[in-house]
N, C-alpha and C. Protein backbone atom coordinates (compact mmCIF):
# COMPACT_ATOMS: atom_id res chain seq x y z
N MET A 1 30.62 244.71 -92.88
CA MET A 1 29.81 243.83 -93.76
C MET A 1 31.14 242.16 -94.01
N ASN A 2 32.39 242.61 -93.60
CA ASN A 2 33.13 241.32 -93.48
C ASN A 2 32.25 240.63 -92.19
N ARG A 3 31.73 241.09 -91.33
CA ARG A 3 31.21 240.11 -89.77
C ARG A 3 29.73 239.54 -89.94
N ILE A 4 28.92 240.24 -90.73
CA ILE A 4 28.39 239.89 -91.11
C ILE A 4 28.32 238.69 -92.15
N ILE A 5 29.22 238.11 -92.97
CA ILE A 5 29.46 237.49 -93.71
C ILE A 5 30.13 235.97 -92.86
N LEU A 6 30.59 236.17 -92.75
CA LEU A 6 31.38 235.33 -91.13
C LEU A 6 30.30 234.72 -90.72
N MET A 7 29.20 235.73 -89.73
CA MET A 7 28.07 235.29 -89.31
C MET A 7 27.66 235.01 -89.81
N ILE A 8 26.43 234.58 -91.05
CA ILE A 8 25.72 233.84 -91.90
C ILE A 8 26.32 232.76 -92.28
N CYS A 9 27.87 232.82 -92.59
CA CYS A 9 28.69 231.75 -92.73
C CYS A 9 28.74 230.89 -91.59
N ALA A 10 29.65 231.07 -90.34
CA ALA A 10 28.38 229.92 -89.34
C ALA A 10 27.32 229.94 -88.75
N ILE A 11 26.38 230.33 -89.31
CA ILE A 11 25.32 229.67 -88.86
C ILE A 11 24.96 228.96 -89.61
N VAL A 12 25.40 228.92 -90.79
CA VAL A 12 24.72 227.87 -91.62
C VAL A 12 25.51 226.54 -91.92
N ILE A 13 26.72 226.40 -90.87
CA ILE A 13 27.32 225.31 -90.55
C ILE A 13 27.10 224.34 -89.70
N GLY A 14 25.73 224.32 -89.63
CA GLY A 14 25.09 223.03 -88.37
C GLY A 14 24.66 221.66 -88.40
N VAL A 15 25.52 221.49 -89.21
CA VAL A 15 25.36 220.36 -90.31
C VAL A 15 25.43 219.14 -89.78
N SER A 16 24.85 218.10 -89.38
CA SER A 16 26.29 216.52 -88.87
C SER A 16 27.06 216.54 -89.94
N LEU A 17 27.94 216.66 -89.19
CA LEU A 17 29.01 215.02 -89.97
C LEU A 17 28.75 214.21 -91.11
N TYR A 18 29.44 214.67 -92.37
CA TYR A 18 28.75 213.74 -93.61
C TYR A 18 30.33 213.27 -94.33
N SER A 19 30.78 212.57 -94.80
CA SER A 19 31.54 212.23 -96.02
C SER A 19 31.85 212.87 -96.89
N CYS A 20 32.82 213.31 -97.51
CA CYS A 20 34.38 213.46 -98.40
C CYS A 20 35.05 212.67 -99.38
N LYS A 21 35.47 213.01 -100.36
CA LYS A 21 36.22 212.36 -101.18
C LYS A 21 37.46 212.11 -100.91
N ASN A 22 38.52 211.42 -101.07
CA ASN A 22 40.33 211.21 -100.79
C ASN A 22 40.16 210.77 -101.79
N GLU A 23 41.00 211.43 -103.12
CA GLU A 23 41.41 210.96 -103.90
C GLU A 23 42.55 209.90 -103.73
N GLY A 24 43.38 210.55 -102.90
CA GLY A 24 44.86 209.80 -103.04
C GLY A 24 44.98 209.24 -102.54
N SER A 25 43.99 209.11 -100.77
CA SER A 25 44.91 208.93 -99.83
C SER A 25 43.82 208.06 -99.12
N LYS A 26 42.90 207.04 -99.29
CA LYS A 26 41.91 206.20 -99.61
C LYS A 26 42.27 205.25 -98.65
N ALA A 27 43.60 204.71 -98.72
CA ALA A 27 43.98 203.56 -97.84
C ALA A 27 44.52 203.96 -96.68
N SER A 28 44.92 204.63 -96.30
CA SER A 28 44.73 205.66 -95.19
C SER A 28 43.60 205.22 -93.69
N SER A 29 42.33 205.64 -95.02
CA SER A 29 41.34 205.01 -93.88
C SER A 29 40.93 204.60 -93.34
N THR A 30 40.32 204.64 -92.08
CA THR A 30 39.79 203.38 -91.12
C THR A 30 38.59 202.83 -91.86
N LYS A 31 38.45 201.97 -91.90
CA LYS A 31 36.38 201.44 -91.81
C LYS A 31 35.66 202.29 -91.15
N ALA A 32 34.44 203.43 -91.28
CA ALA A 32 33.35 203.56 -89.96
C ALA A 32 32.43 201.26 -89.76
N THR A 33 31.99 201.69 -88.33
CA THR A 33 31.56 200.05 -88.24
C THR A 33 29.61 201.52 -88.20
N VAL A 34 28.98 200.11 -87.95
CA VAL A 34 27.86 201.37 -88.28
C VAL A 34 27.37 199.92 -86.83
N SER A 35 26.70 200.59 -85.90
CA SER A 35 25.71 200.56 -85.12
C SER A 35 25.42 199.68 -84.77
N ALA A 36 25.15 199.14 -83.79
CA ALA A 36 24.19 197.57 -84.24
C ALA A 36 23.13 197.55 -82.90
N LYS A 37 22.65 198.68 -82.75
CA LYS A 37 21.38 198.83 -81.83
C LYS A 37 20.39 199.32 -82.49
N LYS A 38 19.11 198.64 -82.37
CA LYS A 38 17.91 198.43 -82.86
C LYS A 38 17.34 200.06 -83.09
N ALA A 39 17.26 200.22 -83.45
CA ALA A 39 16.08 201.58 -84.24
C ALA A 39 14.91 201.96 -83.97
N SER A 40 14.73 202.87 -83.20
CA SER A 40 13.19 202.99 -82.48
C SER A 40 11.89 202.51 -83.14
N PRO A 41 10.74 202.34 -83.67
CA PRO A 41 9.54 201.99 -84.80
C PRO A 41 9.65 203.43 -85.28
N GLN A 42 9.58 204.81 -84.15
CA GLN A 42 9.66 205.93 -85.04
C GLN A 42 10.27 205.53 -86.19
N MET A 43 12.23 205.77 -85.70
CA MET A 43 12.88 205.88 -86.51
C MET A 43 13.14 204.62 -87.39
N GLU A 44 12.56 203.74 -87.25
CA GLU A 44 12.47 203.17 -88.66
C GLU A 44 11.12 203.44 -89.25
N GLY A 45 10.30 204.13 -89.31
CA GLY A 45 9.05 204.17 -89.43
C GLY A 45 9.65 205.48 -91.06
N LEU A 46 10.21 206.31 -89.87
CA LEU A 46 10.78 207.85 -90.62
C LEU A 46 11.86 206.78 -92.03
N ARG A 47 12.91 206.24 -91.18
CA ARG A 47 13.65 206.26 -92.43
C ARG A 47 12.85 205.67 -93.39
N GLU A 48 11.62 204.41 -93.53
CA GLU A 48 11.11 204.33 -94.17
C GLU A 48 10.85 205.08 -95.35
N LYS A 49 10.14 206.03 -95.00
CA LYS A 49 9.37 206.96 -96.06
C LYS A 49 10.50 207.33 -96.38
N ALA A 50 11.79 208.02 -95.56
CA ALA A 50 12.79 208.16 -96.67
C ALA A 50 13.34 207.71 -97.71
N LYS A 51 13.28 206.76 -97.21
CA LYS A 51 13.70 205.68 -98.55
C LYS A 51 12.87 205.98 -99.38
N SER A 52 11.90 205.88 -99.12
CA SER A 52 10.64 205.37 -100.85
C SER A 52 10.74 207.37 -100.59
N VAL A 53 11.26 208.25 -100.78
CA VAL A 53 11.23 209.12 -100.98
C VAL A 53 12.77 209.20 -102.41
N TYR A 54 13.67 208.69 -101.70
CA TYR A 54 14.33 208.72 -102.34
C TYR A 54 14.38 207.55 -103.42
N ASP A 55 14.00 206.79 -103.18
CA ASP A 55 13.70 205.59 -104.21
C ASP A 55 13.13 206.72 -105.41
N TYR A 56 11.30 207.31 -105.39
CA TYR A 56 10.74 207.76 -106.05
C TYR A 56 12.03 209.24 -106.88
N ARG A 57 12.29 210.20 -106.25
CA ARG A 57 13.66 211.00 -106.72
C ARG A 57 14.52 210.30 -107.74
N MET A 58 14.88 208.67 -107.26
CA MET A 58 15.87 208.29 -108.46
C MET A 58 15.49 207.99 -109.51
N LYS A 59 14.44 207.15 -109.02
CA LYS A 59 13.72 207.07 -110.26
C LYS A 59 13.02 207.61 -111.69
N ASN A 60 12.27 208.82 -110.28
CA ASN A 60 11.81 209.99 -111.92
C ASN A 60 12.18 211.27 -112.04
N GLY A 61 13.41 211.74 -111.21
CA GLY A 61 14.42 212.48 -111.05
C GLY A 61 15.32 212.75 -112.39
N GLU A 62 14.74 213.92 -113.42
CA GLU A 62 16.48 214.08 -113.95
C GLU A 62 17.83 214.06 -114.23
N PHE A 63 17.40 214.43 -112.82
CA PHE A 63 19.06 214.80 -111.75
C PHE A 63 19.07 214.08 -110.40
N SER A 64 20.65 213.41 -110.11
CA SER A 64 20.67 212.59 -108.80
C SER A 64 21.67 213.13 -108.39
N THR A 65 22.81 214.20 -108.73
CA THR A 65 23.79 214.00 -108.46
C THR A 65 24.08 215.31 -108.65
N ALA A 66 25.62 215.87 -108.65
CA ALA A 66 25.90 217.27 -109.03
C ALA A 66 27.78 217.28 -109.24
N GLN A 67 28.19 217.20 -110.06
CA GLN A 67 29.58 217.53 -110.25
C GLN A 67 30.38 217.99 -109.58
N ILE A 68 29.42 219.71 -108.83
CA ILE A 68 30.49 220.41 -108.17
C ILE A 68 30.11 219.30 -106.52
N LEU A 69 29.27 218.75 -106.35
CA LEU A 69 29.76 218.12 -104.81
C LEU A 69 30.72 216.90 -104.84
N ASP A 70 30.66 216.00 -105.96
CA ASP A 70 30.93 214.67 -105.86
C ASP A 70 32.70 215.38 -106.28
N ASN A 71 32.87 216.54 -106.99
CA ASN A 71 34.36 216.25 -107.28
C ASN A 71 34.82 217.12 -105.68
N GLY A 72 36.06 216.39 -104.80
CA GLY A 72 36.57 216.92 -103.77
C GLY A 72 35.76 216.52 -102.86
N VAL A 73 37.22 216.99 -101.58
CA VAL A 73 36.17 216.43 -100.60
C VAL A 73 35.10 217.89 -99.88
N TRP A 74 34.90 217.50 -99.30
CA TRP A 74 33.28 219.11 -98.25
C TRP A 74 34.35 219.13 -96.52
N GLU A 75 34.89 219.84 -95.78
CA GLU A 75 35.18 220.03 -94.72
C GLU A 75 34.70 221.06 -94.00
N TYR A 76 33.53 220.87 -92.69
CA TYR A 76 33.73 221.97 -92.21
C TYR A 76 34.27 222.76 -91.61
N LYS A 77 33.38 223.68 -91.65
CA LYS A 77 33.66 225.57 -90.54
C LYS A 77 33.24 225.80 -89.87
N PHE A 78 32.17 225.72 -90.02
CA PHE A 78 31.46 226.43 -88.63
C PHE A 78 29.60 225.29 -89.04
N THR A 79 29.51 225.25 -87.41
CA THR A 79 28.02 225.05 -87.77
C THR A 79 27.33 225.59 -86.32
N PHE A 80 25.50 225.99 -86.78
CA PHE A 80 25.33 226.37 -86.45
C PHE A 80 23.91 226.03 -85.88
N ALA A 81 23.74 225.36 -84.73
CA ALA A 81 22.46 224.06 -84.27
C ALA A 81 22.73 224.34 -82.36
N ASN A 82 21.10 224.07 -82.17
CA ASN A 82 20.99 223.96 -81.10
C ASN A 82 21.06 225.66 -80.35
N ASN A 83 20.65 226.98 -81.12
CA ASN A 83 20.90 228.22 -80.93
C ASN A 83 22.43 228.39 -80.23
N ALA A 84 23.23 227.62 -80.91
CA ALA A 84 24.90 227.91 -81.01
C ALA A 84 25.63 227.62 -81.61
N MET A 85 26.56 228.53 -81.61
CA MET A 85 27.82 229.13 -82.92
C MET A 85 29.25 227.30 -82.72
N SER A 86 29.47 226.92 -83.58
CA SER A 86 30.07 226.33 -82.69
C SER A 86 31.46 227.39 -82.66
N GLU A 87 32.29 226.57 -81.92
CA GLU A 87 34.04 227.45 -82.06
C GLU A 87 34.47 227.28 -83.06
N LEU A 88 35.35 228.29 -83.33
CA LEU A 88 36.18 228.48 -84.68
C LEU A 88 37.42 227.89 -84.27
N GLY A 89 37.54 226.45 -85.43
CA GLY A 89 38.85 225.39 -84.98
C GLY A 89 38.27 223.54 -84.38
N ALA A 90 36.99 224.35 -83.63
CA ALA A 90 35.61 222.86 -83.42
C ALA A 90 35.25 222.08 -84.39
N LEU A 91 35.59 222.19 -85.08
CA LEU A 91 34.74 221.29 -86.58
C LEU A 91 36.37 221.21 -87.13
N ALA A 92 37.33 221.01 -86.77
CA ALA A 92 38.90 220.87 -87.54
C ALA A 92 38.81 219.23 -87.94
N GLY A 93 38.92 218.85 -89.11
CA GLY A 93 39.37 217.46 -89.18
C GLY A 93 38.16 217.43 -90.17
N LYS A 94 37.01 217.44 -89.66
CA LYS A 94 35.45 216.20 -89.55
C LYS A 94 35.40 217.23 -91.40
N TRP A 95 34.86 215.96 -92.00
CA TRP A 95 34.60 216.23 -93.99
C TRP A 95 33.10 215.02 -93.96
N ILE A 96 33.52 215.52 -94.81
CA ILE A 96 31.83 214.76 -96.32
C ILE A 96 32.70 214.56 -96.86
N ASP A 97 32.18 213.27 -97.55
CA ASP A 97 33.34 213.73 -99.35
C ASP A 97 31.32 212.55 -100.03
N PHE A 98 31.22 213.00 -100.85
CA PHE A 98 29.89 212.65 -101.84
C PHE A 98 30.13 212.08 -103.32
N ALA A 99 30.09 211.21 -103.39
CA ALA A 99 30.23 209.90 -104.48
C ALA A 99 29.71 210.04 -105.71
N ASP A 100 30.22 210.50 -106.51
CA ASP A 100 28.90 209.79 -107.57
C ASP A 100 27.97 209.13 -108.77
N ASP A 101 27.97 208.26 -107.43
CA ASP A 101 27.41 206.63 -107.61
C ASP A 101 25.91 206.85 -106.21
N ASN A 102 25.59 208.04 -105.79
CA ASN A 102 24.65 209.00 -104.92
C ASN A 102 25.17 208.19 -103.62
N THR A 103 26.71 207.41 -102.58
CA THR A 103 26.99 207.35 -101.57
C THR A 103 27.70 208.30 -101.63
N TYR A 104 27.99 208.77 -99.76
CA TYR A 104 28.45 209.51 -99.38
C TYR A 104 29.39 208.96 -97.87
N GLU A 105 30.45 209.12 -97.26
CA GLU A 105 31.55 209.08 -96.48
C GLU A 105 31.77 209.95 -95.79
N TYR A 106 31.52 209.89 -94.22
CA TYR A 106 31.91 211.25 -93.15
C TYR A 106 32.50 210.72 -92.62
N GLY A 107 34.08 211.75 -91.80
CA GLY A 107 34.46 211.26 -91.00
C GLY A 107 35.07 212.53 -90.62
N LEU A 108 36.34 212.28 -89.44
CA LEU A 108 37.20 213.11 -88.64
C LEU A 108 38.50 212.09 -89.00
N TYR A 109 39.56 213.40 -89.76
CA TYR A 109 41.04 212.92 -90.22
C TYR A 109 40.51 212.08 -91.26
N GLY A 110 41.22 211.17 -90.84
CA GLY A 110 41.92 210.24 -91.54
C GLY A 110 40.81 208.29 -91.08
N GLU A 111 40.13 208.73 -90.14
CA GLU A 111 38.36 207.89 -89.98
C GLU A 111 37.77 208.24 -90.12
N ILE A 112 37.34 207.17 -91.50
CA ILE A 112 35.50 206.92 -91.45
C ILE A 112 34.66 206.58 -90.52
N LYS A 113 34.14 208.18 -90.22
CA LYS A 113 32.62 207.34 -89.21
C LYS A 113 31.62 206.70 -89.55
N GLY A 114 31.30 206.95 -90.70
CA GLY A 114 29.76 206.82 -91.72
C GLY A 114 29.79 206.70 -92.75
N SER A 115 28.84 206.78 -93.57
CA SER A 115 28.09 206.82 -94.77
C SER A 115 27.37 206.71 -94.68
N GLY A 116 26.38 206.43 -96.17
CA GLY A 116 25.18 207.34 -96.28
C GLY A 116 24.70 206.93 -97.83
N ILE A 117 23.52 207.31 -98.42
CA ILE A 117 23.40 207.48 -99.73
C ILE A 117 22.69 208.60 -99.62
N TYR A 118 22.50 209.51 -101.37
CA TYR A 118 21.75 210.72 -101.04
C TYR A 118 20.91 211.67 -102.45
N HIS A 119 20.23 212.37 -102.43
CA HIS A 119 20.23 212.17 -103.79
C HIS A 119 19.76 213.90 -103.56
N TYR A 120 20.57 213.99 -104.70
CA TYR A 120 20.66 216.20 -104.84
C TYR A 120 20.34 216.55 -106.47
N ASP A 121 19.28 217.28 -105.94
CA ASP A 121 18.61 217.97 -106.92
C ASP A 121 19.09 219.17 -107.48
N PRO A 122 19.91 219.60 -108.62
CA PRO A 122 20.51 220.97 -108.60
C PRO A 122 19.11 222.34 -108.75
N LEU A 123 18.29 221.67 -109.68
CA LEU A 123 17.25 222.45 -109.78
C LEU A 123 16.46 223.42 -108.05
N SER A 124 16.06 222.39 -107.58
CA SER A 124 15.90 222.71 -106.32
C SER A 124 16.93 223.33 -105.17
N THR A 125 18.24 222.58 -105.32
CA THR A 125 19.33 222.55 -104.56
C THR A 125 18.93 221.97 -103.44
N ILE A 126 18.43 221.05 -103.35
CA ILE A 126 17.84 220.49 -101.90
C ILE A 126 18.68 219.00 -102.37
N ILE A 127 19.04 218.25 -101.16
CA ILE A 127 19.58 217.44 -100.88
C ILE A 127 18.73 216.55 -99.87
N LEU A 128 18.82 214.72 -100.04
CA LEU A 128 18.30 213.90 -99.41
C LEU A 128 19.29 213.23 -99.06
N MET A 129 19.51 212.76 -97.44
CA MET A 129 20.85 211.73 -97.24
C MET A 129 20.51 210.84 -96.50
N ILE A 130 20.46 209.73 -96.42
CA ILE A 130 20.22 208.47 -95.19
C ILE A 130 21.13 208.13 -95.07
N ASP A 131 21.42 208.58 -94.32
CA ASP A 131 22.43 207.18 -93.13
C ASP A 131 21.70 205.83 -93.43
N ASN A 132 23.63 205.04 -93.88
CA ASN A 132 23.76 203.44 -93.17
C ASN A 132 23.31 203.01 -91.62
N ASN A 133 23.75 203.98 -91.23
CA ASN A 133 23.30 203.77 -89.63
C ASN A 133 21.56 203.45 -89.19
N PRO A 134 20.72 202.63 -88.88
CA PRO A 134 19.26 202.21 -88.98
C PRO A 134 19.00 203.53 -87.28
N SER A 135 19.60 204.08 -86.87
CA SER A 135 19.40 204.52 -85.41
C SER A 135 19.53 205.81 -85.39
N ALA A 136 19.84 206.55 -87.06
CA ALA A 136 20.18 207.60 -87.23
C ALA A 136 19.06 208.60 -88.45
N LYS A 137 18.98 208.77 -87.90
CA LYS A 137 17.73 209.77 -88.99
C LYS A 137 17.76 210.08 -90.33
N PRO A 138 17.63 210.62 -91.13
CA PRO A 138 17.35 210.98 -92.39
C PRO A 138 17.17 212.23 -92.69
N GLN A 139 18.07 213.09 -93.25
CA GLN A 139 18.01 214.81 -93.43
C GLN A 139 17.83 216.11 -94.28
N GLU A 140 17.74 216.78 -95.07
CA GLU A 140 17.53 217.18 -96.04
C GLU A 140 18.15 218.92 -95.70
N PHE A 141 18.73 219.08 -96.92
CA PHE A 141 19.46 221.01 -96.58
C PHE A 141 19.24 221.35 -98.00
N GLU A 142 19.28 222.47 -98.16
CA GLU A 142 19.61 223.42 -99.25
C GLU A 142 20.35 223.62 -99.29
N MET A 143 21.24 223.41 -100.65
CA MET A 143 22.68 223.43 -100.86
C MET A 143 23.19 224.77 -101.28
N LYS A 144 23.93 225.88 -100.31
CA LYS A 144 23.90 226.89 -101.63
C LYS A 144 25.84 226.67 -101.57
N LEU A 145 25.63 226.71 -103.07
CA LEU A 145 26.86 226.18 -103.37
C LEU A 145 28.14 227.76 -103.24
N VAL A 146 28.68 228.03 -103.57
CA VAL A 146 29.75 229.43 -103.64
C VAL A 146 31.27 229.34 -104.39
N MET A 147 31.58 228.99 -105.26
CA MET A 147 32.70 228.77 -106.05
C MET A 147 33.15 227.10 -104.69
N ASP A 148 33.83 227.47 -103.44
CA ASP A 148 34.56 226.62 -102.88
C ASP A 148 34.39 226.45 -101.62
N ALA A 149 32.98 227.14 -101.57
CA ALA A 149 32.02 226.95 -100.26
C ALA A 149 31.06 226.57 -100.17
N LEU A 150 30.45 225.87 -99.58
CA LEU A 150 29.37 225.24 -99.50
C LEU A 150 28.37 225.68 -97.72
N VAL A 151 27.53 226.50 -98.06
CA VAL A 151 26.29 225.69 -97.10
C VAL A 151 25.44 225.35 -97.02
N MET A 152 25.12 224.63 -95.72
CA MET A 152 24.42 223.59 -95.77
C MET A 152 23.36 224.53 -94.94
N VAL A 153 21.59 224.41 -95.29
CA VAL A 153 20.40 224.60 -94.64
C VAL A 153 19.77 223.53 -94.32
N GLY A 154 19.71 223.33 -93.01
CA GLY A 154 18.99 222.34 -92.59
C GLY A 154 17.28 222.85 -92.70
N GLN A 155 16.14 221.64 -93.21
CA GLN A 155 15.12 221.56 -94.05
C GLN A 155 14.23 221.50 -92.50
N LYS A 156 12.56 221.79 -93.66
CA LYS A 156 11.97 220.84 -92.03
C LYS A 156 11.29 219.80 -92.05
N THR A 157 11.83 219.67 -93.14
CA THR A 157 11.09 217.94 -93.62
C THR A 157 11.84 216.73 -92.26
N TYR A 158 13.19 216.64 -91.76
CA TYR A 158 12.91 216.16 -90.90
C TYR A 158 12.88 216.25 -89.74
N ASN A 159 12.96 218.17 -89.13
CA ASN A 159 13.46 218.45 -88.38
C ASN A 159 15.05 219.31 -88.08
N ASP A 160 15.19 219.70 -89.38
CA ASP A 160 16.55 219.26 -88.80
C ASP A 160 17.18 221.50 -89.46
N ASN A 161 16.29 222.25 -89.36
CA ASN A 161 15.46 223.38 -89.53
C ASN A 161 16.35 224.48 -88.55
N SER A 162 16.56 224.06 -87.43
CA SER A 162 17.72 225.06 -87.05
C SER A 162 19.08 224.70 -87.16
N THR A 163 19.41 223.58 -88.15
CA THR A 163 20.66 223.53 -88.33
C THR A 163 21.13 224.57 -89.47
N GLN A 164 22.33 224.79 -89.28
CA GLN A 164 23.34 225.30 -90.64
C GLN A 164 24.32 225.26 -90.21
N SER A 165 25.59 224.56 -91.63
CA SER A 165 26.86 224.64 -91.80
C SER A 165 27.37 225.07 -93.53
N LYS A 166 28.47 225.04 -92.33
CA LYS A 166 29.14 226.07 -93.54
C LYS A 166 30.75 225.33 -93.81
N LEU A 167 31.06 224.96 -95.04
CA LEU A 167 31.71 224.20 -95.14
C LEU A 167 32.86 224.23 -96.28
N ASP A 168 34.26 224.43 -96.33
CA ASP A 168 34.87 224.21 -97.40
C ASP A 168 35.55 223.36 -98.33
N LYS A 169 35.77 223.41 -99.94
CA LYS A 169 36.09 222.24 -100.63
C LYS A 169 37.62 222.13 -100.53
N ARG A 170 38.05 220.73 -100.48
CA ARG A 170 39.49 220.34 -100.52
C ARG A 170 39.59 219.71 -101.84
N GLU A 171 41.02 219.32 -101.95
CA GLU A 171 41.01 218.07 -102.75
C GLU A 171 41.19 217.01 -102.12
N VAL A 172 41.77 216.76 -100.81
CA VAL A 172 41.77 215.50 -100.20
C VAL A 172 41.52 215.72 -98.61
N ARG A 173 40.68 214.62 -98.09
CA ARG A 173 40.39 214.57 -97.05
C ARG A 173 41.66 215.16 -96.47
N PRO A 174 40.89 215.69 -94.74
CA PRO A 174 42.26 216.70 -94.07
C PRO A 174 42.46 215.37 -93.14
N THR A 175 44.45 216.48 -92.93
CA THR A 175 45.28 215.48 -92.07
C THR A 175 45.65 215.70 -90.50
N LYS A 176 45.87 215.52 -89.73
CA LYS A 176 46.49 215.52 -88.96
C LYS A 176 47.33 216.66 -89.06
N GLY A 177 48.20 217.57 -87.76
CA GLY A 177 49.20 218.07 -88.52
C GLY A 177 49.18 219.26 -89.55
């Protein structure tokens, strides 16, 4: 039974890196640099459509965020993507931090690797994430929250349905050592 639960959790961890909060140590973080690389016309179109969906949901949705998401930092534990499970410890230090203003940062230990905007609907448990990097595709996940664990299940909308990640809640961003 424990093996099945571990396998399910591991399968659910296949999500890209995203940001998390660090209540007390933001000063030690380095800022992310956004790629100067221009996005392809297809990516620009995809991002434009995702931004329209985001704007619509923000304007017409009853909810846009949830305290359970933006309270603390989420550290990646396992990811299942491209028919493979991440190795134990391979994601050490990778985190995502959702803020209550519908923005997020993600990184590795004290370094911020990127940021973006999100909309979360707690009724459907769907989160739409749009990275600030113009060459990064939008992502949409079903969020399965249980206590201090989060499983992000990729949705078909932006071809993330083969990706799942398991994350654990932390009070602050992870540090080395």
